[in-house]
Amino acid sequence: MRRRKSNNSDMGVLLLDVKQVANLLNIGVSTVWSLVKEGRFPEPIRLTAKCSRWRRVDIITWSETLDGTKQGPHNLSFSGHTK
């Protein structure tokens, strides 16, 4: 059997669960789901009825494009309330 060439690039975690997304963005889990419901956040990939994951690249891209600034999601305002 031939040995595969090693790939030294560290791709890291490609799919994130809701807790990892919330930690990455410094927001609450319920805020993630509120943003999804409002259509203001990338839709998760639904692996099963109770298992959703987000592509890490989608979350990073989304966070970098907030109002064209790098202010972060903690400055978002939501319908009826702010954080």
PDB file of N, CA and C in Angstrom:
ATOM      1  N   MET A   1       0.844  -1.175   0.000  1.00  0.00           N
ATOM      2  CA  MET A   1       0.000   0.000   0.000  1.00  0.00           C
ATOM      3  C   MET A   1       0.892   1.241   0.000  1.00  0.00           C
ATOM      4  N   ARG A   2       0.537   2.203  -0.850  1.00  0.00           N
ATOM      5  CA  ARG A   2       1.314   3.436  -0.918  1.00  0.00           C
ATOM      6  C   ARG A   2       0.955   4.368   0.231  1.00  0.00           C
ATOM      7  N   ARG A   3       1.931   5.060   0.649  1.00  0.00           N
ATOM      8  CA  ARG A   3       1.738   6.017   1.725  1.00  0.00           C
ATOM      9  C   ARG A   3       1.302   7.361   1.155  1.00  0.00           C
ATOM     10  N   ARG A   4       0.329   7.991   1.787  1.00  0.00           N
ATOM     11  CA  ARG A   4      -0.141   9.296   1.321  1.00  0.00           C
ATOM     12  C   ARG A   4       0.887  10.365   1.623  1.00  0.00           C
ATOM     13  N   LYS A   5       0.933  11.343   0.753  1.00  0.00           N
ATOM     14  CA  LYS A   5       1.780  12.498   1.021  1.00  0.00           C
ATOM     15  C   LYS A   5       1.180  13.261   2.189  1.00  0.00           C
ATOM     16  N   SER A   6       2.009  13.668   3.095  1.00  0.00           N
ATOM     17  CA  SER A   6       1.479  14.411   4.239  1.00  0.00           C
ATOM     18  C   SER A   6       1.215  15.853   3.841  1.00  0.00           C
ATOM     19  N   ASN A   7       0.126  16.350   4.321  1.00  0.00           N
ATOM     20  CA  ASN A   7      -0.242  17.734   4.074  1.00  0.00           C
ATOM     21  C   ASN A   7      -0.025  18.484   5.380  1.00  0.00           C
ATOM     22  N   ASN A   8       0.952  19.354   5.415  1.00  0.00           N
ATOM     23  CA  ASN A   8       1.306  20.050   6.646  1.00  0.00           C
ATOM     24  C   ASN A   8       0.397  21.223   6.972  1.00  0.00           C
ATOM     25  N   SER A   9      -0.519  21.571   6.070  1.00  0.00           N
ATOM     26  CA  SER A   9      -1.405  22.700   6.351  1.00  0.00           C
ATOM     27  C   SER A   9      -2.439  22.295   7.393  1.00  0.00           C
ATOM     28  N   ASP A  10      -2.579  23.117   8.411  1.00  0.00           N
ATOM     29  CA  ASP A  10      -3.539  22.848   9.470  1.00  0.00           C
ATOM     30  C   ASP A  10      -4.835  23.568   9.140  1.00  0.00           C
ATOM     31  N   MET A  11      -5.835  22.815   8.701  1.00  0.00           N
ATOM     32  CA  MET A  11      -7.104  23.412   8.313  1.00  0.00           C
ATOM     33  C   MET A  11      -7.975  23.714   9.522  1.00  0.00           C
ATOM     34  N   GLY A  12      -7.702  23.070  10.635  1.00  0.00           N
ATOM     35  CA  GLY A  12      -8.494  23.316  11.824  1.00  0.00           C
ATOM     36  C   GLY A  12      -9.889  22.735  11.708  1.00  0.00           C
ATOM     37  N   VAL A  13     -10.766  23.166  12.576  1.00  0.00           N
ATOM     38  CA  VAL A  13     -12.134  22.685  12.606  1.00  0.00           C
ATOM     39  C   VAL A  13     -12.905  23.337  11.457  1.00  0.00           C
ATOM     40  N   LEU A  14     -13.585  22.530  10.674  1.00  0.00           N
ATOM     41  CA  LEU A  14     -14.325  23.050   9.526  1.00  0.00           C
ATOM     42  C   LEU A  14     -15.798  23.270   9.825  1.00  0.00           C
ATOM     43  N   LEU A  15     -16.386  22.450  10.712  1.00  0.00           N
ATOM     44  CA  LEU A  15     -17.796  22.581  11.084  1.00  0.00           C
ATOM     45  C   LEU A  15     -17.899  22.882  12.568  1.00  0.00           C
ATOM     46  N   LEU A  16     -18.754  23.838  12.907  1.00  0.00           N
ATOM     47  CA  LEU A  16     -18.919  24.269  14.291  1.00  0.00           C
ATOM     48  C   LEU A  16     -20.341  24.036  14.767  1.00  0.00           C
ATOM     49  N   ASP A  17     -20.489  23.629  16.037  1.00  0.00           N
ATOM     50  CA  ASP A  17     -21.829  23.534  16.607  1.00  0.00           C
ATOM     51  C   ASP A  17     -22.228  24.909  17.146  1.00  0.00           C
ATOM     52  N   VAL A  18     -23.449  25.040  17.623  1.00  0.00           N
ATOM     53  CA  VAL A  18     -23.968  26.351  18.023  1.00  0.00           C
ATOM     54  C   VAL A  18     -23.164  26.956  19.181  1.00  0.00           C
ATOM     55  N   LYS A  19     -22.703  26.124  20.111  1.00  0.00           N
ATOM     56  CA  LYS A  19     -21.905  26.639  21.226  1.00  0.00           C
ATOM     57  C   LYS A  19     -20.564  27.167  20.743  1.00  0.00           C
ATOM     58  N   GLN A  20     -19.950  26.479  19.812  1.00  0.00           N
ATOM     59  CA  GLN A  20     -18.674  26.938  19.254  1.00  0.00           C
ATOM     60  C   GLN A  20     -18.848  28.235  18.471  1.00  0.00           C
ATOM     61  N   VAL A  21     -19.947  28.342  17.726  1.00  0.00           N
ATOM     62  CA  VAL A  21     -20.239  29.574  16.980  1.00  0.00           C
ATOM     63  C   VAL A  21     -20.413  30.737  17.958  1.00  0.00           C
ATOM     64  N   ALA A  22     -21.212  30.509  19.002  1.00  0.00           N
ATOM     65  CA  ALA A  22     -21.454  31.549  20.002  1.00  0.00           C
ATOM     66  C   ALA A  22     -20.144  31.985  20.658  1.00  0.00           C
ATOM     67  N   ASN A  23     -19.293  31.039  21.026  1.00  0.00           N
ATOM     68  CA  ASN A  23     -18.004  31.375  21.635  1.00  0.00           C
ATOM     69  C   ASN A  23     -17.105  32.139  20.675  1.00  0.00           C
ATOM     70  N   LEU A  24     -17.079  31.713  19.432  1.00  0.00           N
ATOM     71  CA  LEU A  24     -16.248  32.372  18.427  1.00  0.00           C
ATOM     72  C   LEU A  24     -16.647  33.834  18.248  1.00  0.00           C
ATOM     73  N   LEU A  25     -17.955  34.108  18.301  1.00  0.00           N
ATOM     74  CA  LEU A  25     -18.470  35.454  18.073  1.00  0.00           C
ATOM     75  C   LEU A  25     -18.697  36.248  19.362  1.00  0.00           C
ATOM     76  N   ASN A  26     -18.494  35.590  20.494  1.00  0.00           N
ATOM     77  CA  ASN A  26     -18.707  36.235  21.797  1.00  0.00           C
ATOM     78  C   ASN A  26     -20.159  36.697  21.964  1.00  0.00           C
ATOM     79  N   ILE A  27     -21.079  35.841  21.579  1.00  0.00           N
ATOM     80  CA  ILE A  27     -22.506  36.097  21.741  1.00  0.00           C
ATOM     81  C   ILE A  27     -23.140  34.857  22.366  1.00  0.00           C
ATOM     82  N   GLY A  28     -24.384  34.942  22.766  1.00  0.00           N
ATOM     83  CA  GLY A  28     -25.077  33.814  23.365  1.00  0.00           C
ATOM     84  C   GLY A  28     -25.640  32.866  22.325  1.00  0.00           C
ATOM     85  N   VAL A  29     -25.863  31.638  22.768  1.00  0.00           N
ATOM     86  CA  VAL A  29     -26.449  30.618  21.896  1.00  0.00           C
ATOM     87  C   VAL A  29     -27.817  31.067  21.383  1.00  0.00           C
ATOM     88  N   SER A  30     -28.623  31.646  22.277  1.00  0.00           N
ATOM     89  CA  SER A  30     -29.957  32.093  21.849  1.00  0.00           C
ATOM     90  C   SER A  30     -29.861  33.222  20.825  1.00  0.00           C
ATOM     91  N   THR A  31     -28.819  34.034  20.911  1.00  0.00           N
ATOM     92  CA  THR A  31     -28.608  35.108  19.930  1.00  0.00           C
ATOM     93  C   THR A  31     -28.303  34.522  18.556  1.00  0.00           C
ATOM     94  N   VAL A  32     -27.510  33.464  18.516  1.00  0.00           N
ATOM     95  CA  VAL A  32     -27.218  32.794  17.240  1.00  0.00           C
ATOM     96  C   VAL A  32     -28.527  32.350  16.591  1.00  0.00           C
ATOM     97  N   TRP A  33     -29.367  31.661  17.371  1.00  0.00           N
ATOM     98  CA  TRP A  33     -30.629  31.166  16.814  1.00  0.00           C
ATOM     99  C   TRP A  33     -31.564  32.313  16.439  1.00  0.00           C
ATOM    100  N   SER A  34     -31.554  33.404  17.201  1.00  0.00           N
ATOM    101  CA  SER A  34     -32.390  34.568  16.845  1.00  0.00           C
ATOM    102  C   SER A  34     -31.954  35.155  15.515  1.00  0.00           C
ATOM    103  N   LEU A  35     -30.652  35.273  15.320  1.00  0.00           N
ATOM    104  CA  LEU A  35     -30.130  35.814  14.056  1.00  0.00           C
ATOM    105  C   LEU A  35     -30.492  34.912  12.880  1.00  0.00           C
ATOM    106  N   VAL A  36     -30.412  33.600  13.079  1.00  0.00           N
ATOM    107  CA  VAL A  36     -30.798  32.659  12.019  1.00  0.00           C
ATOM    108  C   VAL A  36     -32.274  32.838  11.688  1.00  0.00           C
ATOM    109  N   LYS A  37     -33.109  32.909  12.722  1.00  0.00           N
ATOM    110  CA  LYS A  37     -34.549  33.050  12.529  1.00  0.00           C
ATOM    111  C   LYS A  37     -34.899  34.340  11.787  1.00  0.00           C
ATOM    112  N   GLU A  38     -34.152  35.420  12.080  1.00  0.00           N
ATOM    113  CA  GLU A  38     -34.388  36.711  11.438  1.00  0.00           C
ATOM    114  C   GLU A  38     -33.779  36.783  10.035  1.00  0.00           C
ATOM    115  N   GLY A  39     -33.050  35.751   9.633  1.00  0.00           N
ATOM    116  CA  GLY A  39     -32.431  35.746   8.314  1.00  0.00           C
ATOM    117  C   GLY A  39     -31.191  36.612   8.227  1.00  0.00           C
ATOM    118  N   ARG A  40     -30.588  36.927   9.366  1.00  0.00           N
ATOM    119  CA  ARG A  40     -29.423  37.814   9.402  1.00  0.00           C
ATOM    120  C   ARG A  40     -28.126  37.068   9.684  1.00  0.00           C
ATOM    121  N   PHE A  41     -28.167  35.746   9.597  1.00  0.00           N
ATOM    122  CA  PHE A  41     -27.023  34.901   9.922  1.00  0.00           C
ATOM    123  C   PHE A  41     -27.032  33.707   8.984  1.00  0.00           C
ATOM    124  N   PRO A  42     -25.865  33.164   8.653  1.00  0.00           N
ATOM    125  CA  PRO A  42     -25.846  32.001   7.758  1.00  0.00           C
ATOM    126  C   PRO A  42     -26.684  30.838   8.304  1.00  0.00           C
ATOM    127  N   GLU A  43     -27.397  30.183   7.426  1.00  0.00           N
ATOM    128  CA  GLU A  43     -28.178  29.007   7.805  1.00  0.00           C
ATOM    129  C   GLU A  43     -27.225  27.868   8.153  1.00  0.00           C
ATOM    130  N   PRO A  44     -27.565  27.103   9.177  1.00  0.00           N
ATOM    131  CA  PRO A  44     -26.719  25.952   9.496  1.00  0.00           C
ATOM    132  C   PRO A  44     -26.960  24.806   8.526  1.00  0.00           C
ATOM    133  N   ILE A  45     -26.034  23.893   8.516  1.00  0.00           N
ATOM    134  CA  ILE A  45     -26.198  22.638   7.794  1.00  0.00           C
ATOM    135  C   ILE A  45     -26.890  21.696   8.759  1.00  0.00           C
ATOM    136  N   ARG A  46     -28.031  21.197   8.401  1.00  0.00           N
ATOM    137  CA  ARG A  46     -28.794  20.302   9.278  1.00  0.00           C
ATOM    138  C   ARG A  46     -28.392  18.854   8.976  1.00  0.00           C
ATOM    139  N   LEU A  47     -27.603  18.277   9.871  1.00  0.00           N
ATOM    140  CA  LEU A  47     -27.145  16.905   9.680  1.00  0.00           C
ATOM    141  C   LEU A  47     -28.230  15.904  10.055  1.00  0.00           C
ATOM    142  N   THR A  48     -28.956  16.203  11.126  1.00  0.00           N
ATOM    143  CA  THR A  48     -30.118  15.425  11.537  1.00  0.00           C
ATOM    144  C   THR A  48     -31.132  16.420  12.096  1.00  0.00           C
ATOM    145  N   ALA A  49     -32.258  15.932  12.564  1.00  0.00           N
ATOM    146  CA  ALA A  49     -33.283  16.824  13.102  1.00  0.00           C
ATOM    147  C   ALA A  49     -32.772  17.620  14.305  1.00  0.00           C
ATOM    148  N   LYS A  50     -31.848  17.059  15.059  1.00  0.00           N
ATOM    149  CA  LYS A  50     -31.348  17.726  16.261  1.00  0.00           C
ATOM    150  C   LYS A  50     -29.866  18.064  16.198  1.00  0.00           C
ATOM    151  N   CYS A  51     -29.285  18.033  15.014  1.00  0.00           N
ATOM    152  CA  CYS A  51     -27.846  18.287  14.873  1.00  0.00           C
ATOM    153  C   CYS A  51     -27.599  19.276  13.734  1.00  0.00           C
ATOM    154  N   SER A  52     -27.212  20.490  14.106  1.00  0.00           N
ATOM    155  CA  SER A  52     -26.916  21.533  13.126  1.00  0.00           C
ATOM    156  C   SER A  52     -25.465  21.958  13.266  1.00  0.00           C
ATOM    157  N   ARG A  53     -24.844  22.259  12.150  1.00  0.00           N
ATOM    158  CA  ARG A  53     -23.460  22.730  12.142  1.00  0.00           C
ATOM    159  C   ARG A  53     -23.329  23.866  11.145  1.00  0.00           C
ATOM    160  N   TRP A  54     -22.384  24.766  11.427  1.00  0.00           N
ATOM    161  CA  TRP A  54     -22.071  25.858  10.523  1.00  0.00           C
ATOM    162  C   TRP A  54     -20.677  25.661   9.980  1.00  0.00           C
ATOM    163  N   ARG A  55     -20.490  26.036   8.726  1.00  0.00           N
ATOM    164  CA  ARG A  55     -19.148  26.039   8.145  1.00  0.00           C
ATOM    165  C   ARG A  55     -18.376  27.190   8.773  1.00  0.00           C
ATOM    166  N   ARG A  56     -17.208  26.919   9.304  1.00  0.00           N
ATOM    167  CA  ARG A  56     -16.396  27.939   9.968  1.00  0.00           C
ATOM    168  C   ARG A  56     -16.122  29.108   9.037  1.00  0.00           C
ATOM    169  N   VAL A  57     -15.826  28.825   7.788  1.00  0.00           N
ATOM    170  CA  VAL A  57     -15.527  29.884   6.825  1.00  0.00           C
ATOM    171  C   VAL A  57     -16.723  30.812   6.643  1.00  0.00           C
ATOM    172  N   ASP A  58     -17.955  30.275   6.687  1.00  0.00           N
ATOM    173  CA  ASP A  58     -19.153  31.110   6.560  1.00  0.00           C
ATOM    174  C   ASP A  58     -19.276  32.073   7.738  1.00  0.00           C
ATOM    175  N   ILE A  59     -18.967  31.588   8.943  1.00  0.00           N
ATOM    176  CA  ILE A  59     -19.067  32.420  10.140  1.00  0.00           C
ATOM    177  C   ILE A  59     -18.009  33.516  10.119  1.00  0.00           C
ATOM    178  N   ILE A  60     -16.793  33.170   9.755  1.00  0.00           N
ATOM    179  CA  ILE A  60     -15.715  34.164   9.682  1.00  0.00           C
ATOM    180  C   ILE A  60     -16.047  35.221   8.637  1.00  0.00           C
ATOM    181  N   THR A  61     -16.500  34.790   7.466  1.00  0.00           N
ATOM    182  CA  THR A  61     -16.865  35.729   6.398  1.00  0.00           C
ATOM    183  C   THR A  61     -18.001  36.639   6.850  1.00  0.00           C
ATOM    184  N   TRP A  62     -19.020  36.073   7.476  1.00  0.00           N
ATOM    185  CA  TRP A  62     -20.150  36.864   7.971  1.00  0.00           C
ATOM    186  C   TRP A  62     -19.679  37.910   8.974  1.00  0.00           C
ATOM    187  N   SER A  63     -18.845  37.525   9.914  1.00  0.00           N
ATOM    188  CA  SER A  63     -18.412  38.459  10.958  1.00  0.00           C
ATOM    189  C   SER A  63     -17.551  39.587  10.389  1.00  0.00           C
ATOM    190  N   GLU A  64     -16.822  39.316   9.322  1.00  0.00           N
ATOM    191  CA  GLU A  64     -15.966  40.338   8.719  1.00  0.00           C
ATOM    192  C   GLU A  64     -16.746  41.320   7.855  1.00  0.00           C
ATOM    193  N   THR A  65     -17.962  40.990   7.491  1.00  0.00           N
ATOM    194  CA  THR A  65     -18.731  41.853   6.600  1.00  0.00           C
ATOM    195  C   THR A  65     -19.829  42.634   7.317  1.00  0.00           C
ATOM    196  N   LEU A  66     -19.827  42.637   8.637  1.00  0.00           N
ATOM    197  CA  LEU A  66     -20.839  43.397   9.381  1.00  0.00           C
ATOM    198  C   LEU A  66     -20.661  44.885   9.144  1.00  0.00           C
ATOM    199  N   ASP A  67     -21.594  45.475   8.442  1.00  0.00           N
ATOM    200  CA  ASP A  67     -21.572  46.908   8.152  1.00  0.00           C
ATOM    201  C   ASP A  67     -20.247  47.374   7.560  1.00  0.00           C
ATOM    202  N   GLY A  68     -19.512  46.471   6.947  1.00  0.00           N
ATOM    203  CA  GLY A  68     -18.236  46.843   6.349  1.00  0.00           C
ATOM    204  C   GLY A  68     -17.163  47.158   7.369  1.00  0.00           C
ATOM    205  N   THR A  69     -17.408  46.845   8.631  1.00  0.00           N
ATOM    206  CA  THR A  69     -16.415  47.108   9.676  1.00  0.00           C
ATOM    207  C   THR A  69     -16.045  45.822  10.369  1.00  0.00           C
ATOM    208  N   LYS A  70     -15.049  45.909  11.208  1.00  0.00           N
ATOM    209  CA  LYS A  70     -14.639  44.755  11.994  1.00  0.00           C
ATOM    210  C   LYS A  70     -15.074  44.942  13.440  1.00  0.00           C
ATOM    211  N   GLN A  71     -16.244  45.534  13.645  1.00  0.00           N
ATOM    212  CA  GLN A  71     -16.693  45.860  14.986  1.00  0.00           C
ATOM    213  C   GLN A  71     -17.134  44.643  15.791  1.00  0.00           C
ATOM    214  N   GLY A  72     -17.512  43.580  15.137  1.00  0.00           N
ATOM    215  CA  GLY A  72     -17.928  42.373  15.847  1.00  0.00           C
ATOM    216  C   GLY A  72     -19.427  42.315  16.043  1.00  0.00           C
ATOM    217  N   PRO A  73     -19.949  41.112  16.243  1.00  0.00           N
ATOM    218  CA  PRO A  73     -21.387  40.914  16.347  1.00  0.00           C
ATOM    219  C   PRO A  73     -21.980  41.411  17.654  1.00  0.00           C
ATOM    220  N   HIS A  74     -21.161  41.722  18.651  1.00  0.00           N
ATOM    221  CA  HIS A  74     -21.694  42.174  19.937  1.00  0.00           C
ATOM    222  C   HIS A  74     -22.357  43.541  19.823  1.00  0.00           C
ATOM    223  N   ASN A  75     -22.164  44.240  18.721  1.00  0.00           N
ATOM    224  CA  ASN A  75     -22.778  45.550  18.522  1.00  0.00           C
ATOM    225  C   ASN A  75     -24.054  45.474  17.686  1.00  0.00           C
ATOM    226  N   LEU A  76     -24.535  44.282  17.407  1.00  0.00           N
ATOM    227  CA  LEU A  76     -25.753  44.125  16.617  1.00  0.00           C
ATOM    228  C   LEU A  76     -26.967  44.545  17.419  1.00  0.00           C
ATOM    229  N   SER A  77     -27.947  45.065  16.735  1.00  0.00           N
ATOM    230  CA  SER A  77     -29.233  45.314  17.415  1.00  0.00           C
ATOM    231  C   SER A  77     -30.229  44.328  16.825  1.00  0.00           C
ATOM    232  N   PHE A  78     -31.111  43.843  17.683  1.00  0.00           N
ATOM    233  CA  PHE A  78     -32.082  42.841  17.290  1.00  0.00           C
ATOM    234  C   PHE A  78     -33.464  43.448  17.416  1.00  0.00           C
ATOM    235  N   SER A  79     -34.420  42.789  16.772  1.00  0.00           N
ATOM    236  CA  SER A  79     -35.783  43.302  16.805  1.00  0.00           C
ATOM    237  C   SER A  79     -36.279  43.444  18.233  1.00  0.00           C
ATOM    238  N   GLY A  80     -36.397  44.669  18.682  1.00  0.00           N
ATOM    239  CA  GLY A  80     -36.934  44.939  20.000  1.00  0.00           C
ATOM    240  C   GLY A  80     -35.925  45.031  21.122  1.00  0.00           C
ATOM    241  N   HIS A  81     -34.706  44.574  20.921  1.00  0.00           N
ATOM    242  CA  HIS A  81     -33.746  44.672  22.002  1.00  0.00           C
ATOM    243  C   HIS A  81     -32.317  44.797  21.446  1.00  0.00           C
ATOM    244  N   THR A  82     -31.416  45.284  22.265  1.00  0.00           N
ATOM    245  CA  THR A  82     -30.012  45.426  21.880  1.00  0.00           C
ATOM    246  C   THR A  82     -29.140  44.742  22.900  1.00  0.00           C
ATOM    247  N   LYS A  83     -27.952  44.462  22.495  1.00  0.00           N
ATOM    248  CA  LYS A  83     -27.000  43.834  23.400  1.00  0.00           C
ATOM    249  C   LYS A  83     -25.838  44.746  23.634  1.00  0.00           C
TER     250      LYS A  83
END
